[in-house]
Amino acid sequence: MVKLNADLTSDNSLRKSLNFVILGITFGIVFFNVTTGSPVAGFAKVIGFGDLMYGVMLALPVLGGVTQVFASYFLEKSKKRKLIFLISGFLHRLPWALIAILPLIFGKGSYILLFLLILLMTISSISNSFTNVSFWSWINDLVPMHIRGRFFSRRATISTIVGMLSGLAIGKYLDLHNNLIGFSIVFIFAAIMGMLDISCFFFVKDLPMKGQKQQIDLKKMFISTLKNDYFKKFMIFFVIWNFGLSIAGPYFNMYMIKDLKMSYFDIILLTQIVSNIVTILTLPYIGRVVDKIGNRPMLLFAASLLSLLPVVWCFTNENNYKYLVTLISIFAGMLWPIIDMSNNNLILKLSDQTQTSMYVGVINMFNAIFGTAIPIVLGGYLIEDIAPYIVDFFKHYMNFNIATYHVAFFVSGFLRFLAVIYLKKNVKEPGAKSLKNVIKRKIKRA
């Protein structure tokens, strides 16, 4: 591990910090895969929640992201970035251990259980607001711009390998123990891994925060982010894009469990492992290409192709899912790392470097409300209350069978496409090259 980032920097102190950032995500990826993946959908099904209750359970805690602006203000005011990250990080992970045992106490499907789950997930979400803004502010100062793409691609590659191995083991375990006790054990294990992730940052160098010397004013800081035209237009794209993702995203797992009758092992194998293998093979090149060409051109390329994938899901069934889901995962493995890396880099690049945390807080606040919470609930309502009428219409008047989930998938693809159009027409990145011109030059050289 000592020589892990030796090619990126000769600074021993910086290299040690980068190593611990990467070590942290090897624990953290287990936590995130469990708390954002198919185990949560399976947990909701086991405790008797339908699609709408499942959506409400996921959506309301996301509103905790609204506190990111206040978290940013608190961070800029206190300048105690490492302390805030560590305390909020533990508070983000710990509630999931309690979530694991609540159904054992209150029983399945009750509104008391729903209320308590939402309460704990909201506490976790609010804490994550502080974790998120402090992490990205810290990383922005810690990782030099010229190695950022390679560092993030390396971090993602290592976390992907760990995510694959742990995902298969957890999927197999849940197939053997597909009951409340089984899910409780998995969530407690995930919470422990999440806290180990945060513990790694005790050993990451605590750099002094860059900031303005004048008195900090929350209102002025907030308004200044919206006056940054480059950032504001990117934020609009970011919210539209995530609205398109969230209206269907949480329900792909429910679709695989309920309609495709897939085992948890198959879900993790075909959606997570296949895509992760592709990611491992392509990430080293992606980091270099993003550093060389720029974030916006690569984001435009990846987002355009990803807009088509929800439509492909509409053609899956119990007989062909092994082939189509594998195909979808291959493209996802190539394209999602580009999306994540480009979005993260653009947020940092288009921000005022003296108040990065406020920019992160503002974009995450708007995204929490309009790009995540609202579309998740709308997606659940669409699937439970509107889609059945559309399904009946296609069946009786067009002699064509579709599933209720397919309606949400189609809407998701359409909204993603609208986001791509907005990105192409309105979002700019200073210094980025034209992807079309780069391809033309490569063809001429060949």
Foldseek 3Di string as FASTA:
>chain_A
DQCPCVVPDVPSQLSLQLVLLLVLLLLQLLLCCCVQHLLLVLLCVQLPHDLLLSLLLPQLLLLLLLCLLVLLLVCQVVQPLLVLQLVLLLLLLVLLLVLLCLCVPVPGDDVVNSVVSSVSSNSNNNSVSNNVLSVLQQCLVSRDPLCLLQSVLSSLLSSLVSSLVSQLVLLVQCLVVSHSNSSSVSSNSSSVSSSVSSVSNVSRDSDGGFADPDDDDSVVLLVVLCVLQQLVLVLVLVQLLLLLCQLQPSCVSVCCVPFLVDGSNLCCCLQRVLLSVLLNVCSNVLSVCCSVFHLLQLLLVLLQVLLCLLLLVFPDGNVCCSPSSNVSSNSCSNRVVSNVSSSSVSLSQSDDSNSSSSSVSNSSNSNSPRSHNVSSSVSSCQLPPPLVVVQVCCCPPVVDGTHSSSVSSNSSSVSSNVSSVSSVPRHDDPPGHNPVVVVVVVVVVD
